[in-house]
Amino acid sequence: MALEKEERIIIPDENGEEHLFEVLFTFDVEQTEQSYIAVVPAEQKEGDEVEVFAFRYEEKGNEEDDLALYQIESDEEWEMVEEMLNTLADEDLT
């Protein structure tokens, strides 16, 4: 499944409450064969500081919207994701 920019997904928090997020982008890392997704809260107000959340994800099952999200835990993985976020953000500004 190729997630598209402007797509929205619902992610439950640790209390089981569901929150709507807009997908900024997804990317794959060939070396690790991992996929990542960057999202922002959909209810974010214009002009607010943007809080971006990133997760490693895997497609589950045959359903188009069936994703398993995993928190990024290692420093090396975070550094790689931050580098990609910065690269893609710089491309959007130019």
N, C-alpha and C. Protein backbone atom coordinates (compact mmCIF):
# COMPACT_ATOMS: atom_id res chain seq x y z
N MET A 1 0.85 -1.18 0.00
CA MET A 1 0.00 0.00 0.00
C MET A 1 0.89 1.23 0.00
N ALA A 2 0.64 2.11 -0.88
CA ALA A 2 1.38 3.36 -0.93
C ALA A 2 0.53 4.44 -0.27
N LEU A 3 0.96 4.88 0.89
CA LEU A 3 0.23 5.96 1.56
C LEU A 3 0.49 7.25 0.81
N GLU A 4 -0.53 8.03 0.66
CA GLU A 4 -0.42 9.28 -0.10
C GLU A 4 -0.37 10.47 0.85
N LYS A 5 0.33 11.52 0.43
CA LYS A 5 0.30 12.76 1.17
C LYS A 5 -1.14 13.24 1.23
N GLU A 6 -1.54 13.85 2.29
CA GLU A 6 -2.91 14.30 2.53
C GLU A 6 -3.82 13.17 3.01
N GLU A 7 -3.29 11.96 3.09
CA GLU A 7 -4.07 10.86 3.64
C GLU A 7 -4.12 11.02 5.15
N ARG A 8 -5.19 10.56 5.74
CA ARG A 8 -5.34 10.63 7.19
C ARG A 8 -5.43 9.23 7.77
N ILE A 9 -4.85 9.06 8.96
CA ILE A 9 -4.94 7.79 9.65
C ILE A 9 -5.32 8.04 11.10
N ILE A 10 -5.91 7.05 11.73
CA ILE A 10 -6.27 7.13 13.14
C ILE A 10 -5.28 6.28 13.92
N ILE A 11 -4.69 6.89 14.95
CA ILE A 11 -3.72 6.18 15.80
C ILE A 11 -4.20 6.27 17.24
N PRO A 12 -4.39 5.13 17.90
CA PRO A 12 -4.78 5.15 19.32
C PRO A 12 -3.58 5.47 20.20
N ASP A 13 -3.83 6.18 21.30
CA ASP A 13 -2.75 6.46 22.25
C ASP A 13 -2.69 5.35 23.29
N GLU A 14 -1.83 5.53 24.29
CA GLU A 14 -1.65 4.49 25.31
C GLU A 14 -2.90 4.26 26.16
N ASN A 15 -3.84 5.22 26.13
CA ASN A 15 -5.09 5.08 26.88
C ASN A 15 -6.23 4.54 26.01
N GLY A 16 -5.92 4.24 24.76
CA GLY A 16 -6.93 3.71 23.85
C GLY A 16 -7.75 4.77 23.14
N GLU A 17 -7.47 6.05 23.41
CA GLU A 17 -8.19 7.13 22.73
C GLU A 17 -7.63 7.28 21.31
N GLU A 18 -8.53 7.43 20.35
CA GLU A 18 -8.11 7.53 18.96
C GLU A 18 -7.90 8.98 18.56
N HIS A 19 -6.81 9.22 17.79
CA HIS A 19 -6.47 10.56 17.33
C HIS A 19 -6.25 10.51 15.82
N LEU A 20 -6.73 11.56 15.15
CA LEU A 20 -6.61 11.65 13.70
C LEU A 20 -5.31 12.37 13.34
N PHE A 21 -4.55 11.77 12.41
CA PHE A 21 -3.28 12.34 11.96
C PHE A 21 -3.28 12.45 10.45
N GLU A 22 -2.58 13.46 9.95
CA GLU A 22 -2.35 13.60 8.52
C GLU A 22 -0.97 13.04 8.20
N VAL A 23 -0.90 12.24 7.14
CA VAL A 23 0.36 11.66 6.71
C VAL A 23 1.17 12.72 5.96
N LEU A 24 2.37 13.00 6.45
CA LEU A 24 3.27 13.92 5.73
C LEU A 24 3.93 13.18 4.59
N PHE A 25 4.54 12.05 4.91
CA PHE A 25 5.18 11.23 3.90
C PHE A 25 5.56 9.89 4.50
N THR A 26 5.86 8.96 3.60
CA THR A 26 6.40 7.66 4.00
C THR A 26 7.69 7.47 3.23
N PHE A 27 8.56 6.63 3.76
CA PHE A 27 9.78 6.30 3.04
C PHE A 27 10.27 4.93 3.48
N ASP A 28 11.01 4.29 2.59
CA ASP A 28 11.59 2.98 2.85
C ASP A 28 13.10 3.11 2.92
N VAL A 29 13.71 2.27 3.75
CA VAL A 29 15.16 2.22 3.85
C VAL A 29 15.60 0.86 3.31
N GLU A 30 16.24 0.89 2.16
CA GLU A 30 16.60 -0.35 1.48
C GLU A 30 17.56 -1.21 2.31
N GLN A 31 18.53 -0.58 3.00
CA GLN A 31 19.52 -1.33 3.75
C GLN A 31 18.89 -2.19 4.84
N THR A 32 17.86 -1.66 5.49
CA THR A 32 17.23 -2.38 6.60
C THR A 32 15.90 -3.02 6.20
N GLU A 33 15.43 -2.70 5.00
CA GLU A 33 14.14 -3.17 4.50
C GLU A 33 13.00 -2.78 5.46
N GLN A 34 13.10 -1.58 6.03
CA GLN A 34 12.09 -1.05 6.95
C GLN A 34 11.35 0.10 6.27
N SER A 35 10.09 0.31 6.66
CA SER A 35 9.29 1.41 6.16
C SER A 35 8.95 2.35 7.31
N TYR A 36 8.90 3.63 7.02
CA TYR A 36 8.64 4.64 8.04
C TYR A 36 7.55 5.58 7.57
N ILE A 37 6.84 6.15 8.54
CA ILE A 37 5.77 7.09 8.26
C ILE A 37 5.94 8.30 9.18
N ALA A 38 5.74 9.49 8.64
CA ALA A 38 5.77 10.73 9.42
C ALA A 38 4.38 11.34 9.37
N VAL A 39 3.84 11.69 10.54
CA VAL A 39 2.48 12.22 10.63
C VAL A 39 2.45 13.44 11.54
N VAL A 40 1.40 14.26 11.36
CA VAL A 40 1.15 15.40 12.23
C VAL A 40 -0.31 15.32 12.67
N PRO A 41 -0.63 15.83 13.87
CA PRO A 41 -2.03 15.83 14.30
C PRO A 41 -2.91 16.61 13.33
N ALA A 42 -4.04 16.05 12.97
CA ALA A 42 -4.95 16.70 12.01
C ALA A 42 -5.58 17.95 12.60
N GLU A 43 -5.78 17.98 13.91
CA GLU A 43 -6.44 19.13 14.53
C GLU A 43 -5.47 20.27 14.84
N GLN A 44 -4.27 20.17 14.36
CA GLN A 44 -3.27 21.21 14.58
C GLN A 44 -3.73 22.52 13.97
N LYS A 45 -3.61 23.59 14.71
CA LYS A 45 -4.04 24.91 14.25
C LYS A 45 -2.97 25.54 13.36
N GLU A 46 -3.43 26.29 12.38
CA GLU A 46 -2.52 27.01 11.50
C GLU A 46 -1.70 27.99 12.33
N GLY A 47 -0.40 28.00 12.13
CA GLY A 47 0.47 28.90 12.88
C GLY A 47 1.06 28.27 14.13
N ASP A 48 0.50 27.14 14.58
CA ASP A 48 1.07 26.44 15.72
C ASP A 48 2.38 25.79 15.31
N GLU A 49 3.24 25.58 16.31
CA GLU A 49 4.46 24.83 16.05
C GLU A 49 4.07 23.42 15.65
N VAL A 50 4.68 22.93 14.58
CA VAL A 50 4.32 21.61 14.06
C VAL A 50 5.05 20.53 14.85
N GLU A 51 4.27 19.59 15.39
CA GLU A 51 4.85 18.45 16.07
C GLU A 51 4.71 17.24 15.15
N VAL A 52 5.85 16.72 14.71
CA VAL A 52 5.86 15.59 13.79
C VAL A 52 6.14 14.32 14.57
N PHE A 53 5.37 13.28 14.27
CA PHE A 53 5.56 11.98 14.88
C PHE A 53 6.02 11.02 13.79
N ALA A 54 6.96 10.16 14.11
CA ALA A 54 7.45 9.19 13.14
C ALA A 54 7.37 7.79 13.75
N PHE A 55 7.03 6.84 12.90
CA PHE A 55 6.91 5.44 13.32
C PHE A 55 7.50 4.55 12.23
N ARG A 56 7.97 3.40 12.65
CA ARG A 56 8.27 2.34 11.69
C ARG A 56 6.95 1.61 11.50
N TYR A 57 6.66 1.18 10.28
CA TYR A 57 5.39 0.49 10.06
C TYR A 57 5.55 -0.72 9.16
N GLU A 58 4.60 -1.62 9.31
CA GLU A 58 4.50 -2.79 8.45
C GLU A 58 3.05 -2.93 8.03
N GLU A 59 2.87 -3.33 6.80
CA GLU A 59 1.51 -3.60 6.33
C GLU A 59 1.09 -4.96 6.86
N LYS A 60 -0.14 -5.02 7.37
CA LYS A 60 -0.66 -6.26 7.92
C LYS A 60 -1.87 -6.70 7.12
N GLY A 61 -1.95 -7.97 6.86
CA GLY A 61 -3.14 -8.50 6.21
C GLY A 61 -3.33 -7.97 4.81
N ASN A 62 -4.51 -8.19 4.30
CA ASN A 62 -4.82 -7.79 2.94
C ASN A 62 -5.60 -6.49 2.87
N GLU A 63 -6.01 -5.97 4.01
CA GLU A 63 -6.77 -4.72 4.02
C GLU A 63 -5.86 -3.56 3.66
N GLU A 64 -6.38 -2.65 2.85
CA GLU A 64 -5.60 -1.52 2.38
C GLU A 64 -5.15 -0.61 3.52
N ASP A 65 -5.98 -0.51 4.56
CA ASP A 65 -5.66 0.42 5.66
C ASP A 65 -5.18 -0.31 6.90
N ASP A 66 -4.64 -1.49 6.75
CA ASP A 66 -4.23 -2.31 7.89
C ASP A 66 -2.72 -2.18 8.10
N LEU A 67 -2.33 -1.28 9.02
CA LEU A 67 -0.92 -1.04 9.32
C LEU A 67 -0.62 -1.38 10.77
N ALA A 68 0.59 -1.87 11.00
CA ALA A 68 1.09 -2.04 12.36
C ALA A 68 2.17 -0.98 12.56
N LEU A 69 2.00 -0.12 13.57
CA LEU A 69 2.97 0.93 13.86
C LEU A 69 3.85 0.52 15.03
N TYR A 70 5.13 0.87 14.94
CA TYR A 70 6.09 0.55 15.98
C TYR A 70 6.86 1.81 16.35
N GLN A 71 7.06 2.01 17.64
CA GLN A 71 7.84 3.16 18.07
C GLN A 71 9.30 2.96 17.69
N ILE A 72 9.94 4.07 17.39
CA ILE A 72 11.36 4.04 17.06
C ILE A 72 12.12 4.16 18.38
N GLU A 73 12.96 3.17 18.67
CA GLU A 73 13.57 3.11 19.99
C GLU A 73 15.09 3.32 20.00
N SER A 74 15.78 2.94 18.94
CA SER A 74 17.24 3.06 18.97
C SER A 74 17.67 4.45 18.51
N ASP A 75 18.77 4.93 19.05
CA ASP A 75 19.31 6.23 18.66
C ASP A 75 19.70 6.25 17.18
N GLU A 76 20.27 5.14 16.71
CA GLU A 76 20.69 5.07 15.31
C GLU A 76 19.49 5.20 14.37
N GLU A 77 18.40 4.54 14.74
CA GLU A 77 17.19 4.61 13.91
C GLU A 77 16.62 6.03 13.93
N TRP A 78 16.59 6.66 15.11
CA TRP A 78 16.10 8.05 15.21
C TRP A 78 16.94 8.99 14.37
N GLU A 79 18.26 8.83 14.42
CA GLU A 79 19.14 9.71 13.64
C GLU A 79 18.87 9.58 12.15
N MET A 80 18.66 8.34 11.70
CA MET A 80 18.38 8.11 10.29
C MET A 80 17.04 8.74 9.90
N VAL A 81 16.03 8.59 10.75
CA VAL A 81 14.71 9.15 10.47
C VAL A 81 14.77 10.68 10.48
N GLU A 82 15.46 11.26 11.45
CA GLU A 82 15.59 12.72 11.51
C GLU A 82 16.30 13.26 10.28
N GLU A 83 17.32 12.54 9.82
CA GLU A 83 18.03 12.98 8.62
C GLU A 83 17.09 12.98 7.42
N MET A 84 16.27 11.95 7.31
CA MET A 84 15.30 11.87 6.20
C MET A 84 14.26 12.98 6.33
N LEU A 85 13.77 13.23 7.55
CA LEU A 85 12.80 14.30 7.77
C LEU A 85 13.37 15.65 7.34
N ASN A 86 14.61 15.91 7.75
CA ASN A 86 15.26 17.16 7.39
C ASN A 86 15.47 17.28 5.88
N THR A 87 15.88 16.19 5.24
CA THR A 87 16.08 16.19 3.79
C THR A 87 14.77 16.48 3.06
N LEU A 88 13.72 15.79 3.45
CA LEU A 88 12.43 15.99 2.79
C LEU A 88 11.84 17.36 3.09
N ALA A 89 12.05 17.87 4.29
CA ALA A 89 11.58 19.22 4.62
C ALA A 89 12.32 20.26 3.79
N ASP A 90 13.64 20.08 3.63
CA ASP A 90 14.42 21.01 2.81
C ASP A 90 13.95 21.00 1.36
N GLU A 91 13.62 19.82 0.84
CA GLU A 91 13.12 19.71 -0.53
C GLU A 91 11.79 20.44 -0.69
N ASP A 92 10.92 20.38 0.33
CA ASP A 92 9.64 21.05 0.27
C ASP A 92 9.78 22.56 0.26
N LEU A 93 10.85 23.07 0.89
CA LEU A 93 11.05 24.51 0.98
C LEU A 93 11.63 25.09 -0.31
N THR A 94 12.22 24.25 -1.14
CA THR A 94 12.83 24.77 -2.37
C THR A 94 11.93 24.61 -3.55
